[in-house]
N, C-alpha and C. Protein backbone atom coordinates (compact mmCIF):
# COMPACT_ATOMS: atom_id res chain seq x y z
N UNK A 1 43.74 -3.88 16.00
CA UNK A 1 43.15 -2.38 15.18
C UNK A 1 43.29 -1.37 16.34
N UNK A 2 43.78 -0.56 15.75
CA UNK A 2 43.72 1.06 16.53
C UNK A 2 42.88 1.22 17.34
N UNK A 3 43.02 1.86 18.48
CA UNK A 3 42.12 2.31 19.54
C UNK A 3 40.82 3.21 18.86
N UNK A 4 41.10 4.14 18.24
CA UNK A 4 40.46 5.08 17.52
C UNK A 4 39.07 4.29 16.61
N UNK A 5 39.57 3.28 15.96
CA UNK A 5 38.57 2.15 15.09
C UNK A 5 37.78 1.43 16.07
N UNK A 6 38.31 1.29 17.48
CA UNK A 6 37.47 0.36 18.30
C UNK A 6 36.14 1.46 18.89
N UNK A 7 36.61 2.21 19.01
CA UNK A 7 35.85 3.77 19.78
C UNK A 7 34.72 4.11 18.70
N UNK A 8 35.11 3.98 17.15
CA UNK A 8 34.06 4.30 16.28
C UNK A 8 32.82 3.10 16.35
N UNK A 9 33.58 2.12 15.95
CA UNK A 9 32.77 1.23 16.00
C UNK A 9 31.33 1.16 17.18
N UNK A 10 31.72 1.44 18.57
CA UNK A 10 31.42 0.92 19.90
C UNK A 10 30.44 2.31 19.86
N UNK A 11 30.48 3.39 18.51
CA UNK A 11 29.11 4.53 18.87
C UNK A 11 28.17 4.55 17.85
N UNK A 12 28.61 3.38 16.99
CA UNK A 12 27.65 3.23 15.91
C UNK A 12 26.63 3.22 15.86
N UNK A 13 26.52 2.01 17.04
CA UNK A 13 25.05 1.30 17.54
C UNK A 13 24.23 2.36 18.67
N UNK A 14 24.84 3.51 19.37
CA UNK A 14 24.39 4.21 19.71
C UNK A 14 23.42 5.22 19.10
N UNK A 15 24.80 5.71 18.10
CA UNK A 15 24.24 6.57 17.39
C UNK A 15 23.20 6.08 16.40
N UNK A 16 23.35 5.09 15.48
CA UNK A 16 21.57 4.63 15.29
C UNK A 16 20.74 4.72 16.34
N UNK A 17 20.89 4.32 17.52
CA UNK A 17 19.39 4.09 18.20
C UNK A 17 18.84 5.65 18.28
N UNK A 18 19.91 7.03 18.03
CA UNK A 18 19.50 8.12 18.66
C UNK A 18 18.55 8.39 17.33
N UNK A 19 18.15 7.74 16.92
CA UNK A 19 17.47 7.71 15.57
C UNK A 19 15.85 7.92 15.44
N UNK A 20 15.82 6.68 16.74
CA UNK A 20 14.38 6.39 16.72
C UNK A 20 13.81 6.62 17.69
N UNK A 21 12.46 6.67 17.41
CA UNK A 21 11.42 7.53 18.03
C UNK A 21 11.57 6.55 19.80
N UNK A 22 11.75 7.23 20.88
CA UNK A 22 11.56 6.45 21.78
C UNK A 22 10.14 5.85 22.26
N UNK A 23 9.67 4.71 22.98
CA UNK A 23 8.39 5.12 23.39
C UNK A 23 8.58 4.83 24.63
N UNK A 24 7.26 5.45 25.62
CA UNK A 24 6.89 5.51 26.78
C UNK A 24 6.96 4.51 27.78
N UNK A 25 6.42 4.01 28.89
CA UNK A 25 5.39 3.07 29.09
C UNK A 25 4.49 4.10 28.98
N UNK A 26 3.21 3.46 28.78
CA UNK A 26 2.32 3.10 28.68
C UNK A 26 2.12 4.34 27.50
N UNK A 27 2.60 4.73 26.73
CA UNK A 27 2.71 5.20 25.61
C UNK A 27 1.51 4.68 23.96
N UNK A 28 0.56 4.95 23.84
CA UNK A 28 -0.12 3.88 22.52
C UNK A 28 0.18 4.86 21.60
N UNK A 29 -0.72 4.05 20.56
CA UNK A 29 -0.02 4.93 19.21
C UNK A 29 -0.80 4.15 18.89
N UNK A 30 -1.31 5.09 17.59
CA UNK A 30 -2.67 4.81 16.54
C UNK A 30 -1.81 4.26 15.00
N UNK A 31 -2.46 3.42 14.46
CA UNK A 31 -1.96 3.17 13.65
C UNK A 31 -3.23 3.17 11.94
N UNK A 32 -2.80 3.93 10.93
CA UNK A 32 -4.39 3.77 10.11
C UNK A 32 -3.27 3.70 8.61
N UNK A 33 -4.26 2.43 7.85
CA UNK A 33 -3.32 2.06 6.52
C UNK A 33 -4.24 1.67 6.10
N UNK A 34 -4.33 2.13 4.43
CA UNK A 34 -4.61 2.13 2.96
C UNK A 34 -3.75 1.41 2.36
N UNK A 35 -4.80 -0.19 2.44
CA UNK A 35 -3.96 -1.20 0.65
C UNK A 35 -5.03 -1.34 -0.28
N UNK A 36 -4.75 -0.95 -1.19
CA UNK A 36 -3.41 -1.29 -1.71
C UNK A 36 -3.28 0.95 -1.92
N UNK A 37 -2.28 1.36 -1.84
CA UNK A 37 -2.20 2.75 -1.90
C UNK A 37 -1.96 3.40 -3.03
N UNK A 38 -2.12 2.78 -4.16
CA UNK A 38 -1.85 3.16 -5.33
C UNK A 38 -3.04 2.65 -6.63
N UNK A 39 -3.61 2.96 -6.94
CA UNK A 39 -4.69 2.77 -7.54
C UNK A 39 -4.31 3.73 -9.41
N UNK A 40 -4.47 2.49 -10.24
CA UNK A 40 -4.02 2.71 -12.10
C UNK A 40 -5.21 2.88 -12.62
N UNK A 41 -5.75 4.43 -13.28
CA UNK A 41 -6.93 5.09 -13.29
C UNK A 41 -7.49 4.38 -15.08
N UNK A 42 -7.82 4.83 -15.34
CA UNK A 42 -8.75 3.70 -16.58
C UNK A 42 -8.29 4.88 -17.82
N UNK A 43 -7.97 4.28 -18.69
CA UNK A 43 -7.80 5.72 -19.60
C UNK A 43 -8.55 6.44 -20.67
N UNK A 44 -9.38 5.49 -20.74
CA UNK A 44 -10.78 6.37 -21.55
C UNK A 44 -11.86 7.09 -20.42
N UNK A 45 -11.82 6.38 -19.33
CA UNK A 45 -13.12 7.04 -18.39
C UNK A 45 -12.35 8.41 -17.32
N UNK A 46 -10.55 7.80 -16.94
CA UNK A 46 -9.55 8.38 -16.16
C UNK A 46 -10.35 8.09 -14.45
N UNK A 47 -11.21 7.14 -14.63
CA UNK A 47 -11.65 6.54 -13.44
C UNK A 47 -10.97 5.19 -12.75
N UNK A 48 -10.56 5.51 -11.35
CA UNK A 48 -9.98 3.97 -11.12
C UNK A 48 -10.87 3.51 -9.69
N UNK A 49 -11.40 2.50 -10.45
CA UNK A 49 -12.36 1.58 -9.66
C UNK A 49 -11.45 0.05 -8.83
N UNK A 50 -11.48 0.27 -7.18
CA UNK A 50 -10.65 -0.66 -6.76
C UNK A 50 -11.22 -1.30 -5.12
N UNK A 51 -10.80 -1.88 -4.76
CA UNK A 51 -11.20 -2.69 -3.41
C UNK A 51 -10.28 -2.25 -2.23
N UNK A 52 -10.77 -1.55 -1.74
CA UNK A 52 -9.58 -1.54 -0.79
C UNK A 52 -9.73 -1.55 0.67
N UNK A 53 -8.69 -1.66 1.25
CA UNK A 53 -8.98 -2.38 3.10
C UNK A 53 -8.33 -1.36 3.64
N UNK A 54 -9.28 -0.86 4.72
CA UNK A 54 -8.32 0.39 5.78
C UNK A 54 -7.96 -0.58 6.86
N UNK A 55 -7.14 -0.59 7.43
CA UNK A 55 -6.67 -1.55 8.94
C UNK A 55 -6.47 -0.34 9.58
N UNK A 56 -6.29 -0.25 11.39
CA UNK A 56 -6.44 0.68 12.23
C UNK A 56 -5.66 -0.47 12.83
N UNK A 57 -5.28 0.15 14.17
CA UNK A 57 -5.36 0.03 15.71
C UNK A 57 -5.50 1.70 16.99
N UNK A 58 -6.58 1.43 17.11
CA UNK A 58 -7.13 2.65 18.22
C UNK A 58 -7.84 1.82 19.33
N UNK A 59 -7.62 2.43 20.52
CA UNK A 59 -7.54 2.05 21.81
C UNK A 59 -9.43 2.15 21.80
N UNK A 60 -9.64 3.85 21.62
CA UNK A 60 -10.58 4.63 21.44
C UNK A 60 -11.87 3.89 20.31
N UNK A 61 -13.22 4.04 20.63
CA UNK A 61 -13.79 4.32 19.10
C UNK A 61 -13.70 5.22 18.44
N UNK A 62 -13.57 4.94 17.33
CA UNK A 62 -12.75 6.05 15.76
C UNK A 62 -13.67 6.33 15.09
N UNK A 63 -13.82 7.33 14.16
CA UNK A 63 -14.89 7.46 13.15
C UNK A 63 -13.42 7.87 12.13
N UNK A 64 -14.74 7.82 10.38
CA UNK A 64 -13.41 7.89 9.32
C UNK A 64 -13.78 8.69 8.55
N UNK A 65 -12.86 9.87 7.72
CA UNK A 65 -13.24 10.84 7.09
C UNK A 65 -12.83 10.47 6.13
N UNK A 66 -13.59 10.62 4.90
CA UNK A 66 -12.51 10.72 3.30
C UNK A 66 -13.33 11.83 2.29
N UNK A 67 -12.69 12.01 1.39
CA UNK A 67 -13.09 13.10 0.61
C UNK A 67 -13.46 13.00 -0.78
N UNK A 68 -15.11 12.35 -0.60
CA UNK A 68 -16.01 12.02 -0.89
C UNK A 68 -17.14 12.22 -1.00
N UNK A 69 -17.88 13.06 -1.77
CA UNK A 69 -19.17 13.63 -1.45
C UNK A 69 -20.16 12.13 -1.11
N UNK A 70 -20.31 11.51 -1.81
CA UNK A 70 -21.13 10.24 -1.67
C UNK A 70 -21.11 9.35 -0.33
N UNK A 71 -19.62 9.75 0.30
CA UNK A 71 -19.75 8.85 1.34
C UNK A 71 -19.10 9.21 3.08
N UNK A 72 -20.48 9.80 3.48
CA UNK A 72 -20.36 10.59 5.01
C UNK A 72 -19.43 10.36 5.50
N UNK A 73 -18.88 10.59 6.74
CA UNK A 73 -18.28 10.61 8.22
C UNK A 73 -18.74 9.36 8.77
N UNK A 74 -18.16 8.28 9.38
CA UNK A 74 -18.90 6.41 10.17
C UNK A 74 -17.59 6.67 10.96
N UNK A 75 -18.13 5.91 11.76
CA UNK A 75 -17.95 5.59 13.20
C UNK A 75 -17.73 3.92 13.35
N UNK A 76 -16.68 3.49 13.81
CA UNK A 76 -16.72 1.74 14.34
C UNK A 76 -16.42 2.18 16.15
N UNK A 77 -17.56 1.28 16.95
CA UNK A 77 -17.35 1.72 18.25
C UNK A 77 -16.84 0.23 18.29
N UNK A 78 -17.02 -0.80 17.50
CA UNK A 78 -16.74 -2.01 17.95
C UNK A 78 -15.62 -2.27 18.16
N UNK A 79 -14.94 -2.53 19.34
CA UNK A 79 -13.43 -2.11 19.63
C UNK A 79 -12.79 -3.92 18.82
N UNK A 80 -13.40 -4.92 18.35
CA UNK A 80 -12.82 -6.41 18.17
C UNK A 80 -12.80 -5.77 16.52
N UNK A 81 -13.19 -4.55 15.91
CA UNK A 81 -12.97 -5.29 15.03
C UNK A 81 -11.92 -3.60 14.11
N UNK A 82 -10.76 -4.23 13.31
CA UNK A 82 -9.80 -3.78 13.33
C UNK A 82 -9.68 -3.62 11.49
N UNK A 83 -10.48 -3.30 10.96
CA UNK A 83 -10.54 -3.36 9.64
C UNK A 83 -11.83 -3.42 8.49
N UNK A 84 -11.49 -2.59 7.34
CA UNK A 84 -13.52 -2.31 6.54
C UNK A 84 -12.41 -2.52 5.11
N UNK A 85 -13.59 -3.04 4.25
CA UNK A 85 -12.94 -3.12 3.03
C UNK A 85 -14.03 -2.45 2.53
N UNK A 86 -14.28 -1.95 1.68
CA UNK A 86 -14.42 -0.41 0.70
C UNK A 86 -14.38 -0.71 -0.95
N UNK A 87 -15.26 -1.16 -1.41
CA UNK A 87 -15.36 -0.30 -3.05
C UNK A 87 -15.17 0.87 -4.03
N UNK A 88 -14.08 1.54 -4.17
CA UNK A 88 -14.11 3.13 -4.43
C UNK A 88 -14.19 3.03 -5.95
N UNK A 89 -14.69 4.32 -6.26
CA UNK A 89 -14.63 4.65 -7.40
C UNK A 89 -14.09 6.18 -7.72
N UNK A 90 -12.92 6.68 -7.84
CA UNK A 90 -12.23 8.04 -7.48
C UNK A 90 -11.78 7.95 -9.30
N UNK A 91 -11.29 9.56 -8.92
CA UNK A 91 -10.79 9.96 -10.68
C UNK A 91 -9.61 11.03 -9.83
N UNK A 92 -9.55 10.60 -8.47
CA UNK A 92 -8.52 12.16 -7.79
C UNK A 92 -8.45 10.83 -6.42
N UNK A 93 -7.01 11.68 -5.77
CA UNK A 93 -6.32 11.18 -5.05
C UNK A 93 -7.31 10.95 -3.75
N UNK A 94 -7.29 10.22 -2.43
CA UNK A 94 -8.17 10.19 -1.73
C UNK A 94 -7.24 10.40 -0.93
N UNK A 95 -7.84 11.02 0.53
CA UNK A 95 -7.63 11.28 2.05
C UNK A 95 -7.83 10.61 2.83
N UNK A 96 -7.75 9.34 3.17
CA UNK A 96 -8.20 8.83 4.90
C UNK A 96 -8.21 9.80 6.15
N UNK A 97 -8.68 10.06 7.05
CA UNK A 97 -8.16 10.94 8.18
C UNK A 97 -9.26 9.56 9.17
N UNK A 98 -8.85 9.15 10.07
CA UNK A 98 -8.99 8.59 11.60
C UNK A 98 -8.83 9.26 12.45
N UNK A 99 -10.05 9.25 13.09
CA UNK A 99 -10.58 10.74 14.50
C UNK A 99 -10.62 9.71 15.29
N UNK A 100 -10.55 10.28 16.90
CA UNK A 100 -11.40 9.74 17.71
C UNK A 100 -12.65 10.31 17.74
N UNK A 101 -13.17 9.91 18.33
CA UNK A 101 -15.04 9.47 18.27
C UNK A 101 -15.56 11.23 19.33
N UNK A 102 -15.35 10.96 20.09
CA UNK A 102 -15.09 11.73 21.58
C UNK A 102 -14.89 13.18 21.11
N UNK A 103 -13.81 13.13 20.67
CA UNK A 103 -12.59 14.08 21.19
C UNK A 103 -12.75 15.19 19.70
N UNK A 104 -13.16 13.93 18.55
CA UNK A 104 -12.72 14.80 16.94
C UNK A 104 -11.56 15.18 16.60
N UNK A 105 -10.11 14.40 17.24
CA UNK A 105 -9.13 14.97 16.70
C UNK A 105 -8.40 13.95 16.04
N UNK A 106 -7.74 14.24 15.30
CA UNK A 106 -7.20 13.63 14.14
C UNK A 106 -6.14 12.51 14.99
N UNK A 107 -6.14 11.17 14.61
CA UNK A 107 -5.29 10.15 15.45
C UNK A 107 -3.91 10.01 13.91
N UNK A 108 -4.62 9.51 13.11
CA UNK A 108 -3.82 8.96 11.82
C UNK A 108 -4.43 9.69 10.47
N UNK A 109 -3.34 9.42 9.42
CA UNK A 109 -4.26 9.32 8.40
C UNK A 109 -3.80 8.95 7.37
N UNK A 110 -4.16 8.00 5.71
CA UNK A 110 -3.60 7.44 5.28
C UNK A 110 -4.06 8.26 3.50
N UNK A 111 -3.18 7.66 2.46
CA UNK A 111 -3.65 8.42 1.35
C UNK A 111 -4.08 7.52 -0.10
N UNK A 112 -4.66 7.24 -0.78
CA UNK A 112 -4.78 6.24 -1.87
C UNK A 112 -4.61 7.71 -3.14
N UNK A 113 -3.34 7.21 -3.35
CA UNK A 113 -3.33 7.86 -4.52
C UNK A 113 -3.36 7.37 -5.99
N UNK A 114 -3.92 8.19 -6.59
CA UNK A 114 -4.48 7.53 -8.33
C UNK A 114 -3.64 8.62 -9.25
N UNK A 115 -3.18 7.51 -10.06
CA UNK A 115 -2.56 7.75 -11.00
C UNK A 115 -2.86 7.63 -12.49
N UNK A 116 -2.93 8.19 -13.51
CA UNK A 116 -3.16 8.04 -14.79
C UNK A 116 -2.27 6.64 -15.70
N UNK A 117 -3.23 5.65 -16.26
CA UNK A 117 -2.39 4.44 -16.39
C UNK A 117 -1.94 4.87 -18.21
N UNK A 118 -0.48 5.13 -18.22
CA UNK A 118 -0.11 5.56 -19.54
C UNK A 118 0.46 4.25 -20.67
N UNK A 119 1.09 4.89 -21.85
CA UNK A 119 0.88 3.31 -22.68
C UNK A 119 2.78 3.88 -22.42
N UNK A 120 3.50 2.76 -23.06
CA UNK A 120 5.27 3.25 -22.19
C UNK A 120 5.77 3.59 -23.27
N UNK A 121 6.49 4.84 -23.05
CA UNK A 121 7.00 5.35 -23.96
C UNK A 121 8.50 4.69 -24.73
N UNK A 122 8.18 4.79 -26.12
CA UNK A 122 9.40 4.03 -26.40
C UNK A 122 10.29 4.86 -27.31
N UNK A 123 11.90 4.34 -26.99
CA UNK A 123 12.71 5.75 -27.51
C UNK A 123 13.03 5.32 -29.06
N UNK A 124 13.24 6.27 -30.28
CA UNK A 124 14.08 5.91 -31.09
C UNK A 124 15.39 5.55 -30.94
N UNK A 125 15.64 4.42 -31.66
CA UNK A 125 17.24 3.92 -31.39
C UNK A 125 18.20 4.93 -32.02
N UNK A 126 18.11 5.65 -32.93
CA UNK A 126 18.66 6.76 -33.65
C UNK A 126 18.34 8.56 -33.88
N UNK A 127 18.74 9.30 -33.78
CA UNK A 127 17.91 10.17 -33.44
C UNK A 127 17.83 10.80 -34.98
N UNK A 128 18.45 10.49 -35.76
CA UNK A 128 19.21 10.79 -36.94
C UNK A 128 19.49 9.97 -37.76
N UNK A 129 19.27 9.44 -38.72
CA UNK A 129 20.15 8.28 -39.54
C UNK A 129 21.76 9.18 -40.10
N UNK A 130 21.74 10.51 -40.38
CA UNK A 130 23.01 10.66 -40.37
C UNK A 130 24.35 10.85 -39.30
N UNK A 131 23.50 10.93 -38.19
CA UNK A 131 24.26 11.20 -36.57
C UNK A 131 25.05 10.13 -36.66
N UNK A 132 26.76 10.61 -35.79
CA UNK A 132 27.65 9.80 -35.80
C UNK A 132 27.25 9.79 -33.98
N UNK A 133 26.25 9.90 -34.00
CA UNK A 133 26.45 9.92 -31.55
C UNK A 133 24.88 9.29 -31.62
């Protein structure tokens, strides 16, 4: 194997590591997830009725906000709790924000996308009976 090829093969793992974020000692990361993250809305009502689970990791007590008028901001002070299940009914995308309880700084966010359920589009086999294409 030529020397240039060997050098390239040795550099590939190093180059791929450059794209990964470096974690510092003592660095804490907050994570937040909404599952499922997609809801198909009913064709007649246009609303999406779904049970979602919020899952998070944070070292400090956190509060959650969502852009629903019926659901005000709520806080979780129990360190052992890391998930919550909610029944949601909406006709638009929902943006959830996890905030630090004391500083009110946003820590993480997640989105529940609402898509309309549509009929599958069928395609005619031939455009015109006289077409040669």
